[in-house]
Structures are given as C-alpha cells and as structure tokens.
C-alpha atoms as a PDB file:
ATOM      1  CA  MET A   1      -5.643  96.164 116.339  1.00  0.00           C
ATOM      2  CA  LEU A   2      -7.902  98.912 117.089  1.00  0.00           C
ATOM      3  CA  ARG A   3      -9.352  97.549 120.570  1.00  0.00           C
ATOM      4  CA  SER A   4      -5.902  96.927 122.024  1.00  0.00           C
ATOM      5  CA  THR A   5      -5.042 100.742 120.561  1.00  0.00           C
ATOM      6  CA  PHE A   6      -5.134 103.636 123.821  1.00  0.00           C
ATOM      7  CA  ILE A   7      -3.336 106.372 121.800  1.00  0.00           C
ATOM      8  CA  HIS A   8      -6.012 107.982 120.383  1.00  0.00           C
ATOM      9  CA  LEU A   9      -7.413 108.667 123.926  1.00  0.00           C
ATOM     10  CA  ASN A  10      -6.695 111.617 125.705  1.00  0.00           C
ATOM     11  CA  GLY A  11      -3.606 111.587 127.779  1.00  0.00           C
ATOM     12  CA  VAL A  12      -2.758 108.061 126.531  1.00  0.00           C
ATOM     13  CA  GLY A  13       1.100 108.870 124.259  1.00  0.00           C
ATOM     14  CA  PRO A  14       3.157 105.480 123.051  1.00  0.00           C
ATOM     15  CA  SER A  15       4.885 105.207 126.988  1.00  0.00           C
ATOM     16  CA  ARG A  16       1.391 105.106 129.022  1.00  0.00           C
ATOM     17  CA  GLU A  17      -0.202 102.805 125.883  1.00  0.00           C
ATOM     18  CA  LYS A  18       3.280 100.799 126.706  1.00  0.00           C
ATOM     19  CA  ALA A  19       2.448 101.219 130.476  1.00  0.00           C
ATOM     20  CA  LEU A  20      -0.889  99.501 130.322  1.00  0.00           C
ATOM     21  CA  TRP A  21       0.458  96.148 128.213  1.00  0.00           C
ATOM     22  CA  LYS A  22       2.579  95.711 130.645  1.00  0.00           C
ATOM     23  CA  ARG A  23      -0.220  95.831 133.108  1.00  0.00           C
ATOM     24  CA  GLY A  24      -1.840  93.178 131.781  1.00  0.00           C
ATOM     25  CA  VAL A  25      -4.506  95.556 130.205  1.00  0.00           C
ATOM     26  CA  PHE A  26      -4.704  94.884 126.351  1.00  0.00           C
ATOM     27  CA  SER A  27      -8.331  96.039 125.543  1.00  0.00           C
ATOM     28  CA  TRP A  28     -11.124  98.524 125.783  1.00  0.00           C
ATOM     29  CA  ASP A  29     -13.088  96.355 128.120  1.00  0.00           C
ATOM     30  CA  GLY A  30      -9.821  95.762 130.414  1.00  0.00           C
ATOM     31  CA  LEU A  31      -9.554  99.939 130.220  1.00  0.00           C
ATOM     32  CA  ARG A  32     -12.628 100.445 131.111  1.00  0.00           C
ATOM     33  CA  ARG A  33     -13.267  97.871 134.085  1.00  0.00           C
ATOM     34  CA  LEU A  34      -9.489  99.515 135.094  1.00  0.00           C
ATOM     35  CA  ILE A  35     -10.555 102.632 135.359  1.00  0.00           C
ATOM     36  CA  GLU A  36     -14.307 102.034 136.797  1.00  0.00           C
ATOM     37  CA  SER A  37     -12.210 100.370 139.731  1.00  0.00           C
ATOM     38  CA  GLY A  38     -10.375 103.042 140.331  1.00  0.00           C
ATOM     39  CA  GLU A  39      -6.686 101.769 140.230  1.00  0.00           C
ATOM     40  CA  PHE A  40      -6.446 103.152 136.918  1.00  0.00           C
ATOM     41  CA  ALA A  41      -3.573 106.075 138.131  1.00  0.00           C
ATOM     42  CA  LYS A  42      -3.054 104.454 141.350  1.00  0.00           C
ATOM     43  CA  GLY A  43       0.444 103.705 142.515  1.00  0.00           C
ATOM     44  CA  ARG A  44       1.818 104.880 138.835  1.00  0.00           C
ATOM     45  CA  ARG A  45       4.845 107.037 138.982  1.00  0.00           C
ATOM     46  CA  ASP A  46       4.547 108.131 135.105  1.00  0.00           C
ATOM     47  CA  ILE A  47       1.228 109.597 136.277  1.00  0.00           C
ATOM     48  CA  ARG A  48       0.668 113.458 137.451  1.00  0.00           C
ATOM     49  CA  LYS A  49      -2.448 114.469 138.401  1.00  0.00           C
ATOM     50  CA  GLY A  50      -3.414 118.259 137.891  1.00  0.00           C
ATOM     51  CA  SER A  51      -5.358 120.171 140.676  1.00  0.00           C
ATOM     52  CA  ASN A  52      -9.165 119.629 138.441  1.00  0.00           C
ATOM     53  CA  GLY A  53      -8.167 116.117 138.554  1.00  0.00           C
ATOM     54  CA  ALA A  54      -6.927 115.372 135.728  1.00  0.00           C
ATOM     55  CA  ILE A  55      -5.229 112.347 134.562  1.00  0.00           C
ATOM     56  CA  THR A  56      -1.806 113.442 131.904  1.00  0.00           C
ATOM     57  CA  ALA A  57       0.487 110.933 131.237  1.00  0.00           C
ATOM     58  CA  GLY A  58       3.815 111.893 133.238  1.00  0.00           C
ATOM     59  CA  THR A  59       6.113 113.502 130.072  1.00  0.00           C
ATOM     60  CA  GLU A  60       7.885 116.638 131.551  1.00  0.00           C
ATOM     61  CA  LYS A  61       5.831 119.106 128.835  1.00  0.00           C
ATOM     62  CA  GLY A  62       7.401 120.623 125.662  1.00  0.00           C
ATOM     63  CA  ALA A  63      10.142 117.842 126.479  1.00  0.00           C
ATOM     64  CA  PRO A  64      10.625 115.228 123.859  1.00  0.00           C
ATOM     65  CA  ASP A  65       9.141 111.729 124.520  1.00  0.00           C
ATOM     66  CA  ARG A  66      12.062 109.050 125.279  1.00  0.00           C
ATOM     67  CA  GLU A  67      11.125 106.568 123.501  1.00  0.00           C
ATOM     68  CA  THR A  68      10.034 108.192 120.850  1.00  0.00           C
ATOM     69  CA  GLY A  69      11.649 112.023 120.335  1.00  0.00           C
ATOM     70  CA  GLU A  70       8.645 113.314 119.768  1.00  0.00           C
ATOM     71  CA  LYS A  71       7.565 116.722 121.803  1.00  0.00           C
ATOM     72  CA  ALA A  72       4.674 115.914 124.553  1.00  0.00           C
ATOM     73  CA  VAL A  73       2.144 117.806 124.518  1.00  0.00           C
ATOM     74  CA  GLY A  74       1.463 120.307 127.447  1.00  0.00           C
ATOM     75  CA  GLU A  75      -0.790 122.880 128.767  1.00  0.00           C
ATOM     76  CA  ARG A  76      -0.138 125.343 126.052  1.00  0.00           C
ATOM     77  CA  GLU A  77      -0.838 122.647 123.385  1.00  0.00           C
ATOM     78  CA  THR A  78      -4.088 121.134 122.772  1.00  0.00           C
ATOM     79  CA  ILE A  79      -5.169 118.027 120.694  1.00  0.00           C
ATOM     80  CA  GLY A  80      -7.421 119.587 117.214  1.00  0.00           C
ATOM     81  CA  ARG A  81     -10.313 117.107 116.545  1.00  0.00           C
ATOM     82  CA  ARG A  82     -11.843 117.028 113.539  1.00  0.00           C
ATOM     83  CA  ASP A  83     -15.221 118.604 114.854  1.00  0.00           C
ATOM     84  CA  GLY A  84     -12.904 121.489 115.495  1.00  0.00           C
ATOM     85  CA  ILE A  85     -13.162 121.667 119.581  1.00  0.00           C
ATOM     86  CA  ARG A  86     -10.094 122.467 121.126  1.00  0.00           C
ATOM     87  CA  LYS A  87      -9.446 119.919 124.294  1.00  0.00           C
ATOM     88  CA  PRO A  88      -6.967 119.447 126.360  1.00  0.00           C
ATOM     89  CA  PRO A  89      -4.258 116.617 126.688  1.00  0.00           C
ATOM     90  CA  GLY A  90      -5.624 115.416 129.718  1.00  0.00           C
ATOM     91  CA  ALA A  91      -9.096 113.420 130.187  1.00  0.00           C
ATOM     92  CA  ARG A  92     -11.038 112.619 133.713  1.00  0.00           C
ATOM     93  CA  PRO A  93     -11.447 108.967 134.245  1.00  0.00           C
ATOM     94  CA  GLU A  94     -15.359 109.643 133.168  1.00  0.00           C
ATOM     95  CA  GLU A  95     -14.263 111.612 129.825  1.00  0.00           C
ATOM     96  CA  LEU A  96     -12.196 108.334 129.215  1.00  0.00           C
ATOM     97  CA  LEU A  97     -15.251 105.778 129.633  1.00  0.00           C
ATOM     98  CA  GLU A  98     -16.869 108.055 126.962  1.00  0.00           C
ATOM     99  CA  GLU A  99     -14.220 108.108 124.138  1.00  0.00           C
ATOM    100  CA  LEU A 100     -14.251 104.083 124.676  1.00  0.00           C
ATOM    101  CA  ARG A 101     -17.644 103.870 124.167  1.00  0.00           C
ATOM    102  CA  ALA A 102     -17.423 106.729 121.184  1.00  0.00           C
ATOM    103  CA  SER A 103     -14.371 104.183 119.647  1.00  0.00           C
ATOM    104  CA  GLU A 104     -16.892 101.056 120.248  1.00  0.00           C
ATOM    105  CA  ALA A 105     -19.477 103.117 118.092  1.00  0.00           C
ATOM    106  CA  ALA A 106     -16.564 104.184 115.470  1.00  0.00           C
ATOM    107  CA  ILE A 107     -16.017 100.518 114.460  1.00  0.00           C
ATOM    108  CA  GLU A 108     -19.399  99.222 114.735  1.00  0.00           C
ATOM    109  CA  THR A 109     -20.875 102.219 112.193  1.00  0.00           C
ATOM    110  CA  GLY A 110     -17.592 102.283 110.296  1.00  0.00           C
ATOM    111  CA  ASP A 111     -16.178 105.382 110.614  1.00  0.00           C
ATOM    112  CA  ALA A 112     -12.435 105.143 110.059  1.00  0.00           C
ATOM    113  CA  ALA A 113     -11.637 108.783 110.245  1.00  0.00           C
ATOM    114  CA  PHE A 114     -12.767 109.004 113.965  1.00  0.00           C
ATOM    115  CA  PHE A 115      -8.995 107.087 114.133  1.00  0.00           C
ATOM    116  CA  ALA A 116      -7.539 108.524 111.747  1.00  0.00           C
ATOM    117  CA  ASP A 117      -8.106 111.828 113.846  1.00  0.00           C
ATOM    118  CA  ARG A 118      -6.396 110.795 116.467  1.00  0.00           C
ATOM    119  CA  LEU A 119      -3.520 108.850 114.966  1.00  0.00           C
ATOM    120  CA  PRO A 120      -0.248 110.485 114.168  1.00  0.00           C
ATOM    121  CA  MET A 121       0.258 108.891 110.671  1.00  0.00           C
ATOM    122  CA  ARG A 122       2.903 106.404 111.478  1.00  0.00           C
ATOM    123  CA  GLU A 123       0.671 104.682 113.718  1.00  0.00           C
ATOM    124  CA  ARG A 124      -2.482 104.215 111.376  1.00  0.00           C
ATOM    125  CA  TYR A 125      -1.649 100.951 110.153  1.00  0.00           C
ATOM    126  CA  ARG A 126      -4.069  99.788 113.323  1.00  0.00           C
ATOM    127  CA  LEU A 127      -6.650 100.258 110.877  1.00  0.00           C
ATOM    128  CA  ALA A 128      -5.718  97.670 108.808  1.00  0.00           C
ATOM    129  CA  ARG A 129      -7.763  94.885 110.658  1.00  0.00           C
ATOM    130  CA  ASP A 130     -10.808  96.824 111.572  1.00  0.00           C
ATOM    131  CA  PHE A 131     -11.511  98.012 108.338  1.00  0.00           C
ATOM    132  CA  GLU A 132     -10.016  94.599 105.956  1.00  0.00           C
ATOM    133  CA  GLY A 133     -11.860  94.989 102.639  1.00  0.00           C
ATOM    134  CA  ARG A 134     -13.136  98.306 103.308  1.00  0.00           C
ATOM    135  CA  ILE A 135     -10.120 100.002 102.576  1.00  0.00           C
ATOM    136  CA  CYS A 136      -8.863 102.069  98.894  1.00  0.00           C
ATOM    137  CA  PHE A 137      -5.435 101.689  97.914  1.00  0.00           C
ATOM    138  CA  LEU A 138      -5.121 104.560  95.510  1.00  0.00           C
ATOM    139  CA  ASP A 139      -3.068 105.700  93.277  1.00  0.00           C
ATOM    140  CA  ILE A 140      -2.651 108.302  90.986  1.00  0.00           C
ATOM    141  CA  GLU A 141      -0.409 109.408  87.585  1.00  0.00           C
ATOM    142  CA  THR A 142       0.538 113.115  86.644  1.00  0.00           C
ATOM    143  CA  GLY A 143       1.005 114.643  83.290  1.00  0.00           C
ATOM    144  CA  PRO A 144       3.259 117.218  82.890  1.00  0.00           C
ATOM    145  CA  VAL A 145       3.265 120.338  84.146  1.00  0.00           C
ATOM    146  CA  GLY A 146       0.989 123.000  82.418  1.00  0.00           C
ATOM    147  CA  GLY A 147      -0.577 122.757  79.007  1.00  0.00           C
ATOM    148  CA  ASP A 148      -3.745 121.070  77.253  1.00  0.00           C
ATOM    149  CA  ILE A 149      -2.667 117.613  78.891  1.00  0.00           C
ATOM    150  CA  SER A 150      -1.340 118.126  82.970  1.00  0.00           C
ATOM    151  CA  GLY A 151      -3.151 117.568  85.976  1.00  0.00           C
ATOM    152  CA  ILE A 152      -4.261 113.531  86.909  1.00  0.00           C
ATOM    153  CA  THR A 153      -4.039 111.507  83.942  1.00  0.00           C
ATOM    154  CA  VAL A 154      -5.144 107.974  85.525  1.00  0.00           C
ATOM    155  CA  ALA A 155      -5.943 106.754  88.777  1.00  0.00           C
ATOM    156  CA  GLY A 156      -6.109 103.385  89.714  1.00  0.00           C
ATOM    157  CA  ILE A 157      -8.542 101.740  92.916  1.00  0.00           C
ATOM    158  CA  TYR A 158      -8.395  98.729  94.023  1.00  0.00           C
ATOM    159  CA  ASP A 159     -10.183  97.170  97.983  1.00  0.00           C
ATOM    160  CA  GLY A 160      -8.753  93.142  97.466  1.00  0.00           C
ATOM    161  CA  ARG A 161     -10.828  91.930  95.466  1.00  0.00           C
ATOM    162  CA  ARG A 162     -12.216  94.924  92.675  1.00  0.00           C
ATOM    163  CA  ALA A 163      -9.810  97.482  90.646  1.00  0.00           C
ATOM    164  CA  ARG A 164     -10.547  99.700  88.550  1.00  0.00           C
ATOM    165  CA  VAL A 165      -8.692 102.628  86.544  1.00  0.00           C
ATOM    166  CA  LEU A 166     -10.097 106.001  86.121  1.00  0.00           C
ATOM    167  CA  ILE A 167      -9.106 107.900  83.186  1.00  0.00           C
ATOM    168  CA  ARG A 168      -8.968 111.669  82.199  1.00  0.00           C
ATOM    169  CA  GLY A 169     -11.281 112.510  79.286  1.00  0.00           C
ATOM    170  CA  ALA A 170     -13.490 109.399  80.046  1.00  0.00           C
ATOM    171  CA  ASP A 171     -14.369 108.520  83.590  1.00  0.00           C
ATOM    172  CA  LEU A 172     -12.148 110.337  85.868  1.00  0.00           C
ATOM    173  CA  GLY A 173     -14.170 112.555  87.269  1.00  0.00           C
ATOM    174  CA  GLU A 174     -16.527 109.461  88.448  1.00  0.00           C
ATOM    175  CA  LEU A 175     -13.446 109.146  91.061  1.00  0.00           C
ATOM    176  CA  PRO A 176     -14.754 111.322  94.593  1.00  0.00           C
ATOM    177  CA  ASP A 177     -18.120 109.287  94.197  1.00  0.00           C
ATOM    178  CA  ALA A 178     -15.801 105.654  93.642  1.00  0.00           C
ATOM    179  CA  LEU A 179     -14.109 106.866  96.684  1.00  0.00           C
ATOM    180  CA  SER A 180     -16.806 107.861  99.135  1.00  0.00           C
ATOM    181  CA  THR A 181     -17.605 104.051  99.072  1.00  0.00           C
ATOM    182  CA  TYR A 182     -14.785 103.313 101.288  1.00  0.00           C
ATOM    183  CA  PRO A 183     -14.138 104.517 104.807  1.00  0.00           C
ATOM    184  CA  ALA A 184     -10.763 104.756 104.421  1.00  0.00           C
ATOM    185  CA  VAL A 185      -7.979 105.259 101.489  1.00  0.00           C
ATOM    186  CA  CYS A 186      -4.707 103.782 101.549  1.00  0.00           C
ATOM    187  CA  THR A 187      -1.738 105.493  99.500  1.00  0.00           C
ATOM    188  CA  PHE A 188       2.263 105.550  98.745  1.00  0.00           C
ATOM    189  CA  ASN A 189       3.012 108.784  99.803  1.00  0.00           C
ATOM    190  CA  GLY A 190      -0.018 110.090  99.412  1.00  0.00           C
ATOM    191  CA  ALA A 191       0.083 112.864 102.102  1.00  0.00           C
ATOM    192  CA  SER A 192       2.764 114.767  99.846  1.00  0.00           C
ATOM    193  CA  PHE A 193       1.431 113.915  96.331  1.00  0.00           C
ATOM    194  CA  ASP A 194      -1.879 112.218  96.262  1.00  0.00           C
ATOM    195  CA  MET A 195      -4.511 113.712  97.936  1.00  0.00           C
ATOM    196  CA  PRO A 196      -3.058 117.827  96.880  1.00  0.00           C
ATOM    197  CA  CYS A 197      -2.906 116.442  93.719  1.00  0.00           C
ATOM    198  CA  LEU A 198      -7.020 114.891  94.285  1.00  0.00           C
ATOM    199  CA  ALA A 199      -7.867 118.275  96.429  1.00  0.00           C
ATOM    200  CA  ALA A 200      -6.498 120.838  93.320  1.00  0.00           C
ATOM    201  CA  GLU A 201      -8.682 118.621  91.151  1.00  0.00           C
ATOM    202  CA  PHE A 202     -11.530 118.170  93.118  1.00  0.00           C
ATOM    203  CA  GLY A 203     -12.078 120.601  96.272  1.00  0.00           C
ATOM    204  CA  ARG A 204     -10.702 119.991  99.394  1.00  0.00           C
ATOM    205  CA  GLY A 205     -13.692 118.179 100.724  1.00  0.00           C
ATOM    206  CA  PHE A 206     -13.445 115.468  97.739  1.00  0.00           C
ATOM    207  CA  TYR A 207     -12.987 112.791 100.148  1.00  0.00           C
ATOM    208  CA  ARG A 208     -14.061 113.454 103.972  1.00  0.00           C
ATOM    209  CA  GLY A 209     -12.315 109.565 105.376  1.00  0.00           C
ATOM    210  CA  ALA A 210      -9.353 108.201 106.668  1.00  0.00           C
ATOM    211  CA  HIS A 211      -6.280 108.258 105.083  1.00  0.00           C
ATOM    212  CA  ILE A 212      -3.436 106.524 105.542  1.00  0.00           C
ATOM    213  CA  ASP A 213       0.227 106.657 103.986  1.00  0.00           C
ATOM    214  CA  LEU A 214       2.048 104.043 103.819  1.00  0.00           C
ATOM    215  CA  ARG A 215       5.414 105.878 103.686  1.00  0.00           C
ATOM    216  CA  PRO A 216       5.633 107.022 107.174  1.00  0.00           C
ATOM    217  CA  ILE A 217       4.804 103.976 108.279  1.00  0.00           C
ATOM    218  CA  LEU A 218       7.482 101.875 106.481  1.00  0.00           C
ATOM    219  CA  ALA A 219       9.883 103.851 107.371  1.00  0.00           C
ATOM    220  CA  SER A 220       9.233 103.663 110.734  1.00  0.00           C
ATOM    221  CA  ALA A 221       9.743 100.157 110.210  1.00  0.00           C
ATOM    222  CA  GLY A 222      13.155 101.013 108.951  1.00  0.00           C
ATOM    223  CA  LEU A 223      12.036 100.898 104.935  1.00  0.00           C
ATOM    224  CA  ARG A 224      12.691 104.111 103.525  1.00  0.00           C
ATOM    225  CA  GLY A 225      12.772 105.524 100.392  1.00  0.00           C
ATOM    226  CA  GLY A 226      11.006 105.735  97.054  1.00  0.00           C
ATOM    227  CA  LEU A 227       8.060 102.881  96.275  1.00  0.00           C
ATOM    228  CA  LYS A 228      10.084 100.108  93.888  1.00  0.00           C
ATOM    229  CA  ALA A 229      13.066 100.746  96.036  1.00  0.00           C
ATOM    230  CA  ILE A 230      11.072  99.274  98.962  1.00  0.00           C
ATOM    231  CA  GLU A 231       9.251  96.605  97.027  1.00  0.00           C
ATOM    232  CA  ALA A 232      13.224  95.440  96.175  1.00  0.00           C
ATOM    233  CA  ARG A 233      14.026  95.235  99.309  1.00  0.00           C
ATOM    234  CA  LEU A 234      10.875  93.414 100.658  1.00  0.00           C
ATOM    235  CA  GLY A 235      11.344  90.671  97.674  1.00  0.00           C
ATOM    236  CA  LEU A 236       8.573  91.829  95.498  1.00  0.00           C
ATOM    237  CA  SER A 237       8.490  91.813  91.816  1.00  0.00           C
ATOM    238  CA  ARG A 238       6.715  93.904  88.705  1.00  0.00           C
ATOM    239  CA  PRO A 239       5.361  91.876  85.962  1.00  0.00           C
ATOM    240  CA  PRO A 240       7.824  91.813  83.087  1.00  0.00           C
ATOM    241  CA  GLY A 241       6.857  94.453  80.998  1.00  0.00           C
ATOM    242  CA  VAL A 242       5.992  97.039  83.677  1.00  0.00           C
ATOM    243  CA  ARG A 243       9.792  96.745  85.483  1.00  0.00           C
ATOM    244  CA  GLY A 244      12.252  99.643  85.740  1.00  0.00           C
ATOM    245  CA  LEU A 245       9.163 102.181  84.902  1.00  0.00           C
ATOM    246  CA  ASP A 246       9.443 105.526  87.049  1.00  0.00           C
ATOM    247  CA  GLY A 247       7.197 108.299  87.616  1.00  0.00           C
ATOM    248  CA  PHE A 248       8.880 110.519  85.067  1.00  0.00           C
ATOM    249  CA  ASP A 249       7.566 107.578  82.482  1.00  0.00           C
ATOM    250  CA  ALA A 250       4.561 107.935  83.440  1.00  0.00           C
ATOM    251  CA  VAL A 251       4.542 111.708  82.449  1.00  0.00           C
ATOM    252  CA  ARG A 252       6.074 110.418  79.129  1.00  0.00           C
ATOM    253  CA  LEU A 253       3.349 107.690  77.939  1.00  0.00           C
ATOM    254  CA  TRP A 254       0.561 109.969  78.852  1.00  0.00           C
ATOM    255  CA  VAL A 255       1.987 112.630  76.197  1.00  0.00           C
ATOM    256  CA  GLU A 256       2.681 110.135  73.961  1.00  0.00           C
ATOM    257  CA  ALA A 257      -0.775 108.445  74.244  1.00  0.00           C
ATOM    258  CA  SER A 258      -1.886 112.062  73.824  1.00  0.00           C
ATOM    259  CA  GLY A 259      -0.427 112.155  70.089  1.00  0.00           C
ATOM    260  CA  GLY A 260      -2.114 109.191  70.023  1.00  0.00           C
ATOM    261  CA  SER A 261      -0.573 105.993  70.875  1.00  0.00           C
ATOM    262  CA  ALA A 262      -2.393 103.049  71.900  1.00  0.00           C
ATOM    263  CA  GLU A 263       0.444 101.349  72.558  1.00  0.00           C
ATOM    264  CA  ALA A 264       1.972 104.161  75.360  1.00  0.00           C
ATOM    265  CA  PHE A 265      -1.922 104.185  76.968  1.00  0.00           C
ATOM    266  CA  GLU A 266      -1.722 100.506  77.672  1.00  0.00           C
ATOM    267  CA  LEU A 267       1.480 100.424  79.284  1.00  0.00           C
ATOM    268  CA  LEU A 268       0.474 103.740  81.596  1.00  0.00           C
ATOM    269  CA  ALA A 269      -2.693 101.745  83.541  1.00  0.00           C
ATOM    270  CA  ARG A 270      -0.480  98.967  83.366  1.00  0.00           C
ATOM    271  CA  TYR A 271       2.301 100.758  85.293  1.00  0.00           C
ATOM    272  CA  ASN A 272      -0.566 102.409  87.419  1.00  0.00           C
ATOM    273  CA  MET A 273      -2.455  99.208  88.354  1.00  0.00           C
ATOM    274  CA  ALA A 274       0.855  97.807  89.205  1.00  0.00           C
ATOM    275  CA  ASP A 275       1.557 101.129  91.522  1.00  0.00           C
ATOM    276  CA  THR A 276      -1.883 100.701  93.356  1.00  0.00           C
ATOM    277  CA  VAL A 277      -2.461  96.531  93.599  1.00  0.00           C
ATOM    278  CA  VAL A 278       0.728  96.406  95.421  1.00  0.00           C
ATOM    279  CA  LEU A 279      -0.084  98.413  98.218  1.00  0.00           C
ATOM    280  CA  HIS A 280      -2.301  95.860  99.949  1.00  0.00           C
ATOM    281  CA  THR A 281       0.670  93.440 100.452  1.00  0.00           C
ATOM    282  CA  LEU A 282       2.452  96.941 101.492  1.00  0.00           C
ATOM    283  CA  LEU A 283      -0.353  97.625 104.482  1.00  0.00           C
ATOM    284  CA  ARG A 284       0.100  94.313 105.949  1.00  0.00           C
ATOM    285  CA  LEU A 285       3.955  93.735 105.352  1.00  0.00           C
ATOM    286  CA  ALA A 286       3.840  97.142 107.168  1.00  0.00           C
ATOM    287  CA  CYS A 287       2.190  95.734 110.174  1.00  0.00           C
ATOM    288  CA  ASN A 288       4.030  93.026 109.955  1.00  0.00           C
ATOM    289  CA  LEU A 289       7.253  94.762 110.910  1.00  0.00           C
ATOM    290  CA  ARG A 290       5.759  97.265 113.199  1.00  0.00           C
ATOM    291  CA  ILE A 291       4.236  94.283 115.356  1.00  0.00           C
ATOM    292  CA  ALA A 292       7.742  92.856 115.410  1.00  0.00           C
ATOM    293  CA  ALA A 293       9.719  95.297 115.583  1.00  0.00           C
ATOM    294  CA  GLY A 294       7.715  97.384 118.744  1.00  0.00           C
ATOM    295  CA  ASP A 295       6.766  93.225 120.301  1.00  0.00           C
ATOM    296  CA  LEU A 296       3.664  95.186 120.319  1.00  0.00           C
ATOM    297  CA  PRO A 297       0.289  92.671 121.285  1.00  0.00           C
ATOM    298  CA  PHE A 298      -1.551  92.744 117.601  1.00  0.00           C
ATOM    299  CA  ARG A 299      -2.328  89.578 115.920  1.00  0.00           C
ATOM    300  CA  ARG A 300       0.005  89.955 112.492  1.00  0.00           C
ATOM    301  CA  PHE A 301      -1.613  88.896 109.409  1.00  0.00           C
ATOM    302  CA  ASP A 302      -0.926  85.371 108.591  1.00  0.00           C
ATOM    303  CA  GLY A 303       0.125  85.949 104.569  1.00  0.00           C
ATOM    304  CA  ALA A 304       0.915  89.441 103.180  1.00  0.00           C
ATOM    305  CA  ASP A 305       1.015  87.627  99.908  1.00  0.00           C
ATOM    306  CA  ASP A 306      -2.335  88.821  97.255  1.00  0.00           C
ATOM    307  CA  PRO A 307      -3.185  86.442  95.185  1.00  0.00           C
ATOM    308  CA  ASP A 308      -6.312  88.240  93.455  1.00  0.00           C
ATOM    309  CA  ALA A 309      -4.645  91.277  93.224  1.00  0.00           C
ATOM    310  CA  TRP A 310      -3.230  91.050  89.105  1.00  0.00           C
ATOM    311  CA  PRO A 311      -6.370  89.295  88.017  1.00  0.00           C
ATOM    312  CA  ALA A 312      -8.148  91.853  89.565  1.00  0.00           C
ATOM    313  CA  ALA A 313      -5.759  94.120  87.959  1.00  0.00           C
ATOM    314  CA  GLU A 314      -5.863  92.619  84.549  1.00  0.00           C
ATOM    315  CA  ASP A 315     -10.155  92.572  84.720  1.00  0.00           C
ATOM    316  CA  ALA A 316      -9.938  96.673  85.276  1.00  0.00           C
ATOM    317  CA  LEU A 317      -7.919  96.925  82.206  1.00  0.00           C
ATOM    318  CA  ARG A 318      -9.914  94.893  79.873  1.00  0.00           C
ATOM    319  CA  SER A 319     -12.565  96.834  80.939  1.00  0.00           C
ATOM    320  CA  MET A 320     -11.138 100.547  81.114  1.00  0.00           C
ATOM    321  CA  PRO A 321     -12.584 102.745  78.858  1.00  0.00           C
ATOM    322  CA  ARG A 322     -10.154 105.213  77.090  1.00  0.00           C
ATOM    323  CA  PRO A 323     -10.380 109.250  76.660  1.00  0.00           C
ATOM    324  CA  ASP A 324     -11.894 111.083  74.039  1.00  0.00           C
ATOM    325  CA  PHE A 325      -8.348 112.403  72.237  1.00  0.00           C
ATOM    326  CA  LEU A 326      -7.574 108.241  72.084  1.00  0.00           C
ATOM    327  CA  ARG A 327     -10.647 107.423  70.716  1.00  0.00           C
ATOM    328  CA  ARG A 328     -10.611 109.645  67.512  1.00  0.00           C
ATOM    329  CA  THR A 329      -7.346 108.545  66.692  1.00  0.00           C
ATOM    330  CA  TRP A 330      -8.793 104.841  66.392  1.00  0.00           C
END
C-alpha cells in the first residue's frame, strides 16, 4: 500500500493523489518517471505553480478540500516534521524525488515513524501490509483513580504470532523495552487513552515508533463507537468468559485482585487479551473497508480472521507472572 501512497509527500493531498491514480500513476517509480519526464505538472488544472517554482495543490488557501472537508494547507501553514524542520506545503520536483528516495529508504530500514509522521491518523492503515508481522497490537487496563492501586494495571501485546501479558507489581516495567522492538504499535482509541497513560507511567519518550489508532480509521469507514460495539457490528465474537465485560469491570476486577482474588486477576488478564488480539483482525478489516469504500488501488487482505490469536493468548495467560500482592496471598 505504501508504494502506491503519495499523500505523505509535500504538496500532495487526497485530491492530488486521486488525480495521480487517474493518470495511471500507481507507484513511486511511476511518479518518479513522471517527474523526470517533466510531465508532472504540465496541463493540470488542479496544480498551481508558485513564483519560486514550487508545485502546490490547487485548492484555495485555507478553504476546505471538496472531498475530505479538511482545511487545505496555505502559505501561512506548514507541515511539521519529526526532526523539527517545518517545510512549506509545496515542493520542487527535485525535492519530491528526494522524498521518494527517503520513502524507499524508510521501508528498507523499517522506519514506520517516517510515514506516520507524514500521514493523518485515519490514513495510517496504509502501514499494515508493508509492516505486517512487525506491528505490536497493544491494549492496557487501568485501576481506580487515586490510591495505591491506580495507574496501569495490565498491558497486553500481540504481534500476530506471540502474545504477552504484563502485570503491575510484576513485569510491567519491561513494557517500553518490549515495544521498542517493533517499528509500529496499533491500538483502539490509544491516542486519547493508552498512549497518554503510558507516557504518564514511563515518560513521554517511552516509544519512538509509529502509532496506528484504529478508532479514527474505523470511523472513517463508517464504524463509530466503542470497541465492543464495533466488534458486534462486524460479527466478531469473544470467548464466553469475557463477553459483556467492559472497562468498568476491568477496574473492579483489579480491585478484587488487589484484595487477594486470584479468580478476578485471571479474568482481568483474559479480558485484556481479548481486547488486544482482536486488534489484528480489526486492522485488516479496516484496510479492506477503506479500500472498498474509496475504490483505492491497494491490494486487500485475503482474509481478516486470525486463527493464531487465541492460541497465542492462551499461551500468554499460562505463562504470565503474578503481582507481588497476589503472590503473598497464595
């Protein structure tokens, strides 16, 4: 998908990208040939060439894009970059060629953050295929606000093959190191919840890779609401033991576990695994839905089901550690 993506380039928005596809340009190599031939901006009504030779999209500065409703980038607005350099929205042909070379290098070196920094969150599903097997699906649970048992209680991670449950009072502190081995993490509503909670726990620089939040991606495909509601709409079912549980139950179960209930602890961990491993399926479904809805020139995933998810979750549940306070009660 990424090699057919152009909206991460300076001066290329959704309308410009679609215009390139309509011209039969479906790859970075195709765009490179178009630029080198001098035909990139020739005869296009939706391209405006500035006095400095920079090529910019033809949307009126500050006006919403007709297709996305988003405000266009004008002369007073710039696109921020991870390295702190703020670049103008337009780019000369030679600058676009350099960006294409940098894009190729980012894929070769596994730098998912390069693309995440240049794509809006709802478009980051495009990382799914090129980084398949290297995305960490992440979900956390938290305790009651205030007191000795607040904060992150349980964190689940899954990469499509292996799963792990990390527990407060046991090995939760190992989470940043575990995440650092993946170029991207995927959450549901993580931009508002998981990542800020993790930053509060481990510091703002706890993770340097790309973040894919499925909530805005699924919303852009018409699926809004909470995780369980979206699962139900898609016909996804959970194991019987955790059906009907929600985030409030996760808080309650941690309180009970803190009081010595091994049963509550086991159920909380199982609930967290259910929230975690389903994200792999949801990312694939989100890709297919977006591709179908937009008639995009990307290859769909042949199947979204993940038969390895629950076997991996069961392995993780069997091998997970127990928190100190629970070990003392056994």
